[in-house]
PDB file of N, CA and C in Angstrom:
ATOM      1  N   THR A   1     103.925 138.755  68.487  1.00  0.00           N
ATOM      2  CA  THR A   1     103.066 140.009  68.511  1.00  0.00           C
ATOM      3  C   THR A   1     103.053 140.525  66.933  1.00  0.00           C
ATOM      4  N   LEU A   2     101.928 141.344  66.345  1.00  0.00           N
ATOM      5  CA  LEU A   2     102.041 141.979  65.306  1.00  0.00           C
ATOM      6  C   LEU A   2     103.041 143.261  65.061  1.00  0.00           C
ATOM      7  N   ASP A   3     103.206 143.907  65.877  1.00  0.00           N
ATOM      8  CA  ASP A   3     103.830 145.091  65.849  1.00  0.00           C
ATOM      9  C   ASP A   3     103.233 146.479  65.240  1.00  0.00           C
ATOM     10  N   VAL A   4     102.013 146.277  65.472  1.00  0.00           N
ATOM     11  CA  VAL A   4     101.575 147.501  64.992  1.00  0.00           C
ATOM     12  C   VAL A   4     100.445 147.800  66.044  1.00  0.00           C
ATOM     13  N   PRO A   5     100.464 149.501  65.918  1.00  0.00           N
ATOM     14  CA  PRO A   5      99.657 150.337  66.989  1.00  0.00           C
ATOM     15  C   PRO A   5      98.709 149.838  67.164  1.00  0.00           C
ATOM     16  N   GLY A   6      97.866 150.044  68.294  1.00  0.00           N
ATOM     17  CA  GLY A   6      96.507 149.318  68.760  1.00  0.00           C
ATOM     18  C   GLY A   6      95.469 149.956  67.848  1.00  0.00           C
ATOM     19  N   ASP A   7      95.805 151.370  67.727  1.00  0.00           N
ATOM     20  CA  ASP A   7      94.941 151.902  66.947  1.00  0.00           C
ATOM     21  C   ASP A   7      95.145 152.077  65.327  1.00  0.00           C
ATOM     22  N   ALA A   8      95.715 151.014  64.968  1.00  0.00           N
ATOM     23  CA  ALA A   8      96.111 150.833  63.264  1.00  0.00           C
ATOM     24  C   ALA A   8      94.930 150.761  62.820  1.00  0.00           C
ATOM     25  N   SER A   9      94.782 151.177  61.527  1.00  0.00           N
ATOM     26  CA  SER A   9      93.579 150.905  60.551  1.00  0.00           C
ATOM     27  C   SER A   9      93.586 149.387  60.004  1.00  0.00           C
ATOM     28  N   LEU A  10      92.653 148.951  59.744  1.00  0.00           N
ATOM     29  CA  LEU A  10      92.374 147.692  59.293  1.00  0.00           C
ATOM     30  C   LEU A  10      93.317 147.255  58.032  1.00  0.00           C
ATOM     31  N   SER A  11      93.457 148.261  57.172  1.00  0.00           N
ATOM     32  CA  SER A  11      94.268 148.057  56.104  1.00  0.00           C
ATOM     33  C   SER A  11      95.915 147.944  56.773  1.00  0.00           C
ATOM     34  N   THR A  12      96.191 148.651  57.724  1.00  0.00           N
ATOM     35  CA  THR A  12      97.361 148.322  58.441  1.00  0.00           C
ATOM     36  C   THR A  12      97.777 147.043  59.266  1.00  0.00           C
ATOM     37  N   VAL A  13      96.483 146.500  59.731  1.00  0.00           N
ATOM     38  CA  VAL A  13      96.211 145.436  60.614  1.00  0.00           C
ATOM     39  C   VAL A  13      96.478 144.226  59.931  1.00  0.00           C
ATOM     40  N   LEU A  14      95.633 144.025  58.700  1.00  0.00           N
ATOM     41  CA  LEU A  14      95.634 142.899  57.988  1.00  0.00           C
ATOM     42  C   LEU A  14      96.983 142.138  57.442  1.00  0.00           C
ATOM     43  N   PRO A  15      97.213 142.964  56.811  1.00  0.00           N
ATOM     44  CA  PRO A  15      98.675 142.317  56.073  1.00  0.00           C
ATOM     45  C   PRO A  15      99.773 142.127  57.409  1.00  0.00           C
ATOM     46  N   ALA A  16      99.767 142.411  58.417  1.00  0.00           N
ATOM     47  CA  ALA A  16     100.745 142.259  59.196  1.00  0.00           C
ATOM     48  C   ALA A  16     100.021 140.964  59.999  1.00  0.00           C
ATOM     49  N   LEU A  17      98.553 140.753  60.111  1.00  0.00           N
ATOM     50  CA  LEU A  17      98.243 139.542  60.629  1.00  0.00           C
ATOM     51  C   LEU A  17      98.408 138.341  59.305  1.00  0.00           C
ATOM     52  N   ALA A  18      98.544 138.658  58.305  1.00  0.00           N
ATOM     53  CA  ALA A  18      98.529 138.021  56.980  1.00  0.00           C
ATOM     54  C   ALA A  18      99.955 137.132  57.014  1.00  0.00           C
ATOM     55  N   SER A  19     100.983 138.130  57.331  1.00  0.00           N
ATOM     56  CA  SER A  19     102.610 137.740  57.192  1.00  0.00           C
ATOM     57  C   SER A  19     102.611 137.107  58.749  1.00  0.00           C
ATOM     58  N   TRP A  20     101.921 137.219  59.998  1.00  0.00           N
ATOM     59  CA  TRP A  20     102.152 136.682  61.055  1.00  0.00           C
ATOM     60  C   TRP A  20     101.867 135.100  61.026  1.00  0.00           C
ATOM     61  N   ARG A  21     100.210 135.275  60.224  1.00  0.00           N
ATOM     62  CA  ARG A  21      99.974 133.988  59.854  1.00  0.00           C
ATOM     63  C   ARG A  21     101.027 132.947  59.263  1.00  0.00           C
ATOM     64  N   GLN A  22     101.635 133.594  58.050  1.00  0.00           N
ATOM     65  CA  GLN A  22     102.403 132.640  57.290  1.00  0.00           C
ATOM     66  C   GLN A  22     103.558 132.257  57.923  1.00  0.00           C
ATOM     67  N   GLU A  23     104.128 132.798  58.546  1.00  0.00           N
ATOM     68  CA  GLU A  23     105.481 132.593  59.409  1.00  0.00           C
ATOM     69  C   GLU A  23     105.041 131.480  60.100  1.00  0.00           C
ATOM     70  N   ARG A  24     103.687 131.645  61.193  1.00  0.00           N
ATOM     71  CA  ARG A  24     103.418 130.644  62.039  1.00  0.00           C
ATOM     72  C   ARG A  24     103.019 128.967  61.481  1.00  0.00           C
ATOM     73  N   ARG A  25     102.498 129.287  60.039  1.00  0.00           N
ATOM     74  CA  ARG A  25     102.786 128.008  59.544  1.00  0.00           C
ATOM     75  C   ARG A  25     104.214 127.088  58.877  1.00  0.00           C
ATOM     76  N   ARG A  26     105.009 128.365  58.490  1.00  0.00           N
ATOM     77  CA  ARG A  26     106.301 127.951  58.225  1.00  0.00           C
ATOM     78  C   ARG A  26     107.173 127.303  59.552  1.00  0.00           C
ATOM     79  N   GLU A  27     106.573 128.072  60.558  1.00  0.00           N
ATOM     80  CA  GLU A  27     107.396 127.199  61.678  1.00  0.00           C
ATOM     81  C   GLU A  27     106.624 125.611  61.990  1.00  0.00           C
ATOM     82  N   ALA A  28     105.517 125.932  61.969  1.00  0.00           N
ATOM     83  CA  ALA A  28     104.668 124.604  62.388  1.00  0.00           C
ATOM     84  C   ALA A  28     105.277 123.409  61.096  1.00  0.00           C
ATOM     85  N   THR A  29     105.483 123.781  59.887  1.00  0.00           N
ATOM     86  CA  THR A  29     105.703 122.758  58.791  1.00  0.00           C
ATOM     87  C   THR A  29     107.488 122.325  59.338  1.00  0.00           C
ATOM     88  N   VAL A  30     108.443 123.304  60.023  1.00  0.00           N
ATOM     89  CA  VAL A  30     109.586 123.127  60.298  1.00  0.00           C
ATOM     90  C   VAL A  30     109.591 121.911  61.704  1.00  0.00           C
ATOM     91  N   ASN A  31     108.609 122.470  62.913  1.00  0.00           N
ATOM     92  CA  ASN A  31     108.419 121.890  63.887  1.00  0.00           C
ATOM     93  C   ASN A  31     108.049 120.076  63.511  1.00  0.00           C
ATOM     94  N   ASP A  32     107.317 120.300  62.100  1.00  0.00           N
ATOM     95  CA  ASP A  32     106.714 118.812  61.801  1.00  0.00           C
ATOM     96  C   ASP A  32     107.957 118.070  61.666  1.00  0.00           C
ATOM     97  N   TRP A  33     109.013 118.537  60.918  1.00  0.00           N
ATOM     98  CA  TRP A  33     110.205 117.744  60.597  1.00  0.00           C
ATOM     99  C   TRP A  33     110.901 117.477  61.514  1.00  0.00           C
ATOM    100  N   ARG A  34     111.093 118.038  62.789  1.00  0.00           N
ATOM    101  CA  ARG A  34     111.678 117.868  63.529  1.00  0.00           C
ATOM    102  C   ARG A  34     111.778 116.498  64.059  1.00  0.00           C
ATOM    103  N   TYR A  35     112.800 115.961  64.895  1.00  0.00           N
ATOM    104  CA  TYR A  35     112.780 114.723  65.594  1.00  0.00           C
ATOM    105  C   TYR A  35     112.320 114.473  66.740  1.00  0.00           C
ATOM    106  N   GLY A  36     111.694 113.638  67.157  1.00  0.00           N
ATOM    107  CA  GLY A  36     110.442 113.550  68.360  1.00  0.00           C
ATOM    108  C   GLY A  36     110.904 112.576  69.381  1.00  0.00           C
ATOM    109  N   ILE A  37     110.872 112.494  70.428  1.00  0.00           N
ATOM    110  CA  ILE A  37     111.160 111.779  71.217  1.00  0.00           C
ATOM    111  C   ILE A  37     109.700 111.177  72.214  1.00  0.00           C
ATOM    112  N   SER A  38     109.897 110.144  72.038  1.00  0.00           N
ATOM    113  CA  SER A  38     108.631 109.854  73.369  1.00  0.00           C
ATOM    114  C   SER A  38     108.480 108.690  74.280  1.00  0.00           C
ATOM    115  N   TRP A  39     108.195 108.616  75.103  1.00  0.00           N
ATOM    116  CA  TRP A  39     108.136 107.466  75.934  1.00  0.00           C
ATOM    117  C   TRP A  39     107.079 107.228  76.695  1.00  0.00           C
ATOM    118  N   LYS A  40     107.025 105.479  76.524  1.00  0.00           N
ATOM    119  CA  LYS A  40     105.980 104.961  76.951  1.00  0.00           C
ATOM    120  C   LYS A  40     106.578 104.067  78.393  1.00  0.00           C
ATOM    121  N   PRO A  41     105.860 104.131  79.161  1.00  0.00           N
ATOM    122  CA  PRO A  41     106.376 103.222  80.218  1.00  0.00           C
ATOM    123  C   PRO A  41     106.215 101.904  79.970  1.00  0.00           C
ATOM    124  N   VAL A  42     106.864 100.936  80.819  1.00  0.00           N
ATOM    125  CA  VAL A  42     106.625  99.481  80.809  1.00  0.00           C
ATOM    126  C   VAL A  42     105.903  99.187  81.954  1.00  0.00           C
ATOM    127  N   ALA A  43     105.234  98.432  81.876  1.00  0.00           N
ATOM    128  CA  ALA A  43     104.259  98.073  82.895  1.00  0.00           C
ATOM    129  C   ALA A  43     104.967  96.995  83.673  1.00  0.00           C
ATOM    130  N   ASP A  44     104.887  96.901  85.122  1.00  0.00           N
ATOM    131  CA  ASP A  44     105.670  96.414  85.771  1.00  0.00           C
ATOM    132  C   ASP A  44     105.478  94.785  85.915  1.00  0.00           C
ATOM    133  N   GLY A  45     106.544  94.176  86.099  1.00  0.00           N
ATOM    134  CA  GLY A  45     106.288  92.734  85.930  1.00  0.00           C
ATOM    135  C   GLY A  45     106.982  91.992  84.882  1.00  0.00           C
ATOM    136  N   GLY A  46     107.144  92.975  83.523  1.00  0.00           N
ATOM    137  CA  GLY A  46     107.195  92.412  82.214  1.00  0.00           C
ATOM    138  C   GLY A  46     108.570  91.881  82.668  1.00  0.00           C
ATOM    139  N   THR A  47     109.277  91.181  81.699  1.00  0.00           N
ATOM    140  CA  THR A  47     110.355  90.138  81.734  1.00  0.00           C
ATOM    141  C   THR A  47     111.295  91.231  80.881  1.00  0.00           C
ATOM    142  N   ALA A  48     112.361  91.929  81.796  1.00  0.00           N
ATOM    143  CA  ALA A  48     114.021  92.398  81.557  1.00  0.00           C
ATOM    144  C   ALA A  48     114.841  91.704  80.925  1.00  0.00           C
ATOM    145  N   THR A  49     115.607  92.161  79.933  1.00  0.00           N
ATOM    146  CA  THR A  49     116.485  91.230  79.474  1.00  0.00           C
ATOM    147  C   THR A  49     118.008  92.085  80.239  1.00  0.00           C
ATOM    148  N   GLY A  50     118.652  91.267  80.186  1.00  0.00           N
ATOM    149  CA  GLY A  50     120.037  91.582  80.480  1.00  0.00           C
ATOM    150  C   GLY A  50     120.775  92.130  79.468  1.00  0.00           C
ATOM    151  N   LEU A  51     121.462  93.175  79.469  1.00  0.00           N
ATOM    152  CA  LEU A  51     122.610  93.576  78.588  1.00  0.00           C
ATOM    153  C   LEU A  51     123.569  92.522  78.104  1.00  0.00           C
ATOM    154  N   GLY A  52     124.395  92.166  79.175  1.00  0.00           N
ATOM    155  CA  GLY A  52     125.284  90.929  78.293  1.00  0.00           C
ATOM    156  C   GLY A  52     126.310  91.479  77.527  1.00  0.00           C
ATOM    157  N   GLY A  53     127.180  90.592  77.114  1.00  0.00           N
ATOM    158  CA  GLY A  53     128.322  90.938  76.531  1.00  0.00           C
ATOM    159  C   GLY A  53     129.252  92.018  77.291  1.00  0.00           C
ATOM    160  N   THR A  54     130.315  92.438  76.474  1.00  0.00           N
ATOM    161  CA  THR A  54     131.413  92.997  77.116  1.00  0.00           C
ATOM    162  C   THR A  54     131.183  94.479  76.598  1.00  0.00           C
ATOM    163  N   TRP A  55     131.119  95.429  77.152  1.00  0.00           N
ATOM    164  CA  TRP A  55     131.183  97.043  77.434  1.00  0.00           C
ATOM    165  C   TRP A  55     132.280  97.538  77.634  1.00  0.00           C
ATOM    166  N   LEU A  56     132.745  98.467  76.672  1.00  0.00           N
ATOM    167  CA  LEU A  56     133.760  99.335  77.011  1.00  0.00           C
ATOM    168  C   LEU A  56     133.279 100.784  77.848  1.00  0.00           C
ATOM    169  N   VAL A  57     134.195 101.179  78.836  1.00  0.00           N
ATOM    170  CA  VAL A  57     133.809 102.472  79.178  1.00  0.00           C
ATOM    171  C   VAL A  57     135.238 103.198  79.015  1.00  0.00           C
ATOM    172  N   VAL A  58     135.016 103.712  78.043  1.00  0.00           N
ATOM    173  CA  VAL A  58     135.958 104.956  78.263  1.00  0.00           C
ATOM    174  C   VAL A  58     136.010 106.470  78.898  1.00  0.00           C
ATOM    175  N   PHE A  59     137.064 106.714  79.305  1.00  0.00           N
ATOM    176  CA  PHE A  59     137.199 107.832  80.042  1.00  0.00           C
ATOM    177  C   PHE A  59     138.505 108.388  80.060  1.00  0.00           C
ATOM    178  N   PRO A  60     138.770 109.962  79.980  1.00  0.00           N
ATOM    179  CA  PRO A  60     139.954 110.613  80.157  1.00  0.00           C
ATOM    180  C   PRO A  60     140.790 110.173  81.226  1.00  0.00           C
ATOM    181  N   GLU A  61     141.936 110.189  80.994  1.00  0.00           N
ATOM    182  CA  GLU A  61     143.027 110.013  82.316  1.00  0.00           C
ATOM    183  C   GLU A  61     142.511 110.715  83.590  1.00  0.00           C
ATOM    184  N   GLY A  62     142.848 110.204  84.524  1.00  0.00           N
ATOM    185  CA  GLY A  62     142.800 110.686  85.974  1.00  0.00           C
ATOM    186  C   GLY A  62     141.235 110.873  86.531  1.00  0.00           C
ATOM    187  N   ARG A  63     140.067 110.249  85.660  1.00  0.00           N
ATOM    188  CA  ARG A  63     138.629 110.139  85.777  1.00  0.00           C
ATOM    189  C   ARG A  63     138.186 109.393  86.159  1.00  0.00           C
ATOM    190  N   ALA A  64     139.010 108.038  86.639  1.00  0.00           N
ATOM    191  CA  ALA A  64     138.209 106.709  86.732  1.00  0.00           C
ATOM    192  C   ALA A  64     137.216 106.852  87.995  1.00  0.00           C
ATOM    193  N   THR A  65     137.075 107.589  88.961  1.00  0.00           N
ATOM    194  CA  THR A  65     136.845 107.634  90.029  1.00  0.00           C
ATOM    195  C   THR A  65     135.520 108.773  89.755  1.00  0.00           C
ATOM    196  N   ASP A  66     135.643 109.351  89.174  1.00  0.00           N
ATOM    197  CA  ASP A  66     134.347 110.606  88.761  1.00  0.00           C
ATOM    198  C   ASP A  66     133.054 109.798  88.774  1.00  0.00           C
ATOM    199  N   ASP A  67     132.144 110.846  89.423  1.00  0.00           N
ATOM    200  CA  ASP A  67     130.939 110.038  89.634  1.00  0.00           C
ATOM    201  C   ASP A  67     130.499 109.215  88.505  1.00  0.00           C
ATOM    202  N   VAL A  68     130.230 110.173  87.198  1.00  0.00           N
ATOM    203  CA  VAL A  68     129.676 109.948  85.924  1.00  0.00           C
ATOM    204  C   VAL A  68     130.285 108.441  85.405  1.00  0.00           C
ATOM    205  N   VAL A  69     131.595 108.175  85.470  1.00  0.00           N
ATOM    206  CA  VAL A  69     132.301 107.390  84.843  1.00  0.00           C
ATOM    207  C   VAL A  69     132.096 106.296  85.909  1.00  0.00           C
ATOM    208  N   ARG A  70     132.131 106.219  87.307  1.00  0.00           N
ATOM    209  CA  ARG A  70     131.463 105.050  87.842  1.00  0.00           C
ATOM    210  C   ARG A  70     130.095 104.777  88.143  1.00  0.00           C
ATOM    211  N   THR A  71     129.513 105.679  87.777  1.00  0.00           N
ATOM    212  CA  THR A  71     127.816 105.339  88.036  1.00  0.00           C
ATOM    213  C   THR A  71     127.618 104.487  86.625  1.00  0.00           C
ATOM    214  N   ALA A  72     128.281 104.885  85.535  1.00  0.00           N
ATOM    215  CA  ALA A  72     127.978 104.444  84.401  1.00  0.00           C
ATOM    216  C   ALA A  72     128.345 102.526  84.269  1.00  0.00           C
ATOM    217  N   ALA A  73     129.542 102.765  84.744  1.00  0.00           N
ATOM    218  CA  ALA A  73     130.228 101.194  85.097  1.00  0.00           C
ATOM    219  C   ALA A  73     129.500 100.607  85.854  1.00  0.00           C
ATOM    220  N   GLU A  74     129.071 101.024  87.029  1.00  0.00           N
ATOM    221  CA  GLU A  74     128.182 100.084  88.236  1.00  0.00           C
ATOM    222  C   GLU A  74     126.756  99.784  87.254  1.00  0.00           C
ATOM    223  N   GLY A  75     126.379 100.936  86.298  1.00  0.00           N
ATOM    224  CA  GLY A  75     124.871 100.562  86.312  1.00  0.00           C
ATOM    225  C   GLY A  75     124.958  99.158  85.095  1.00  0.00           C
ATOM    226  N   LEU A  76     126.030  99.423  84.262  1.00  0.00           N
ATOM    227  CA  LEU A  76     126.088  98.588  83.330  1.00  0.00           C
ATOM    228  C   LEU A  76     126.463  97.192  83.832  1.00  0.00           C
ATOM    229  N   THR A  77     127.190  97.003  84.660  1.00  0.00           N
ATOM    230  CA  THR A  77     127.874  95.800  85.502  1.00  0.00           C
ATOM    231  C   THR A  77     126.447  95.268  86.265  1.00  0.00           C
ATOM    232  N   ALA A  78     125.407  96.112  86.886  1.00  0.00           N
ATOM    233  CA  ALA A  78     124.067  95.844  87.458  1.00  0.00           C
ATOM    234  C   ALA A  78     123.152  95.205  86.747  1.00  0.00           C
ATOM    235  N   HIS A  79     123.080  95.542  85.428  1.00  0.00           N
ATOM    236  CA  HIS A  79     122.244  95.117  84.051  1.00  0.00           C
ATOM    237  C   HIS A  79     123.117  93.673  83.492  1.00  0.00           C
ATOM    238  N   GLY A  80     124.139  93.021  84.293  1.00  0.00           N
ATOM    239  CA  GLY A  80     124.617  91.875  83.404  1.00  0.00           C
ATOM    240  C   GLY A  80     125.731  92.096  82.427  1.00  0.00           C
ATOM    241  N   ALA A  81     126.089  93.398  82.454  1.00  0.00           N
ATOM    242  CA  ALA A  81     127.283  93.539  81.487  1.00  0.00           C
ATOM    243  C   ALA A  81     128.481  93.319  82.191  1.00  0.00           C
ATOM    244  N   GLN A  82     129.838  93.009  81.001  1.00  0.00           N
ATOM    245  CA  GLN A  82     131.126  92.651  81.981  1.00  0.00           C
ATOM    246  C   GLN A  82     131.558  93.970  81.291  1.00  0.00           C
ATOM    247  N   VAL A  83     132.180  94.544  82.304  1.00  0.00           N
ATOM    248  CA  VAL A  83     132.350  96.096  81.906  1.00  0.00           C
ATOM    249  C   VAL A  83     134.209  95.969  81.914  1.00  0.00           C
ATOM    250  N   VAL A  84     134.722  96.568  80.577  1.00  0.00           N
ATOM    251  CA  VAL A  84     136.221  96.828  80.613  1.00  0.00           C
ATOM    252  C   VAL A  84     136.493  98.264  80.296  1.00  0.00           C
ATOM    253  N   PRO A  85     137.074  98.854  81.620  1.00  0.00           N
ATOM    254  CA  PRO A  85     137.533 100.372  81.333  1.00  0.00           C
ATOM    255  C   PRO A  85     138.334 100.527  80.654  1.00  0.00           C
ATOM    256  N   LEU A  86     138.798 101.690  79.779  1.00  0.00           N
ATOM    257  CA  LEU A  86     139.771 102.116  79.205  1.00  0.00           C
ATOM    258  C   LEU A  86     139.820 103.636  79.590  1.00  0.00           C
ATOM    259  N   GLU A  87     141.194 103.667  80.562  1.00  0.00           N
ATOM    260  CA  GLU A  87     141.530 105.269  80.597  1.00  0.00           C
ATOM    261  C   GLU A  87     142.339 105.808  79.316  1.00  0.00           C
ATOM    262  N   LEU A  88     141.799 106.871  78.586  1.00  0.00           N
ATOM    263  CA  LEU A  88     142.575 107.279  77.890  1.00  0.00           C
ATOM    264  C   LEU A  88     143.852 108.740  78.280  1.00  0.00           C
ATOM    265  N   ASN A  89     144.830 108.632  77.842  1.00  0.00           N
ATOM    266  CA  ASN A  89     145.623 109.476  77.623  1.00  0.00           C
ATOM    267  C   ASN A  89     145.521 110.470  76.454  1.00  0.00           C
ATOM    268  N   THR A  90     145.002 111.841  76.852  1.00  0.00           N
ATOM    269  CA  THR A  90     144.673 112.584  75.886  1.00  0.00           C
ATOM    270  C   THR A  90     145.452 113.518  75.576  1.00  0.00           C
ATOM    271  N   SER A  91     146.909 113.280  75.800  1.00  0.00           N
ATOM    272  CA  SER A  91     148.012 114.132  75.185  1.00  0.00           C
ATOM    273  C   SER A  91     148.000 113.721  73.652  1.00  0.00           C
ATOM    274  N   GLU A  92     148.447 114.650  72.931  1.00  0.00           N
ATOM    275  CA  GLU A  92     148.635 114.830  71.720  1.00  0.00           C
ATOM    276  C   GLU A  92     149.258 113.499  71.072  1.00  0.00           C
ATOM    277  N   ALA A  93     150.554 113.354  71.545  1.00  0.00           N
ATOM    278  CA  ALA A  93     151.246 112.157  71.412  1.00  0.00           C
ATOM    279  C   ALA A  93     151.044 110.627  71.646  1.00  0.00           C
ATOM    280  N   ALA A  94     149.806 110.506  72.615  1.00  0.00           N
ATOM    281  CA  ALA A  94     148.995 109.258  72.855  1.00  0.00           C
ATOM    282  C   ALA A  94     147.955 109.317  71.868  1.00  0.00           C
ATOM    283  N   ARG A  95     147.445 110.212  70.915  1.00  0.00           N
ATOM    284  CA  ARG A  95     146.323 109.947  69.896  1.00  0.00           C
ATOM    285  C   ARG A  95     146.756 108.951  69.097  1.00  0.00           C
ATOM    286  N   GLY A  96     147.673 108.597  68.469  1.00  0.00           N
ATOM    287  CA  GLY A  96     147.892 107.673  67.721  1.00  0.00           C
ATOM    288  C   GLY A  96     147.962 106.335  67.922  1.00  0.00           C
ATOM    289  N   ALA A  97     148.146 106.163  69.425  1.00  0.00           N
ATOM    290  CA  ALA A  97     148.281 104.828  70.002  1.00  0.00           C
ATOM    291  C   ALA A  97     146.675 104.018  69.935  1.00  0.00           C
ATOM    292  N   TYR A  98     146.005 105.059  70.218  1.00  0.00           N
ATOM    293  CA  TYR A  98     144.536 104.275  69.690  1.00  0.00           C
ATOM    294  C   TYR A  98     143.671 103.952  68.669  1.00  0.00           C
ATOM    295  N   LEU A  99     144.374 104.382  67.343  1.00  0.00           N
ATOM    296  CA  LEU A  99     143.870 104.225  66.277  1.00  0.00           C
ATOM    297  C   LEU A  99     143.819 102.610  66.212  1.00  0.00           C
ATOM    298  N   ASP A 100     144.657 101.937  66.665  1.00  0.00           N
ATOM    299  CA  ASP A 100     144.747 100.709  66.032  1.00  0.00           C
ATOM    300  C   ASP A 100     143.403  99.919  67.314  1.00  0.00           C
ATOM    301  N   LEU A 101     142.915 100.609  68.271  1.00  0.00           N
ATOM    302  CA  LEU A 101     142.430  99.825  68.832  1.00  0.00           C
ATOM    303  C   LEU A 101     140.528  99.245  68.311  1.00  0.00           C
TER     304      LEU A 101
END
């Protein structure tokens, strides 16, 4: 909104309108710089490629049966990946042990 009273004179409205327009242009320019994501559907019947290879599924200690961990591992396996689970001990003492991985 322009933040001017409805009965404001033209000499009040025009500078407010010019300022509003300039701000919209700046916002449009910044929006053009932003990263955009677009999705394109894949036609049915196309050849799907499997993932293949070994995939590391890393999760915090005690979370191996969480839905998100299980679903990720199952999804990778279903697409041809060999899944290697790695349960991390998140304590301060254990952090140094993972540096060599």
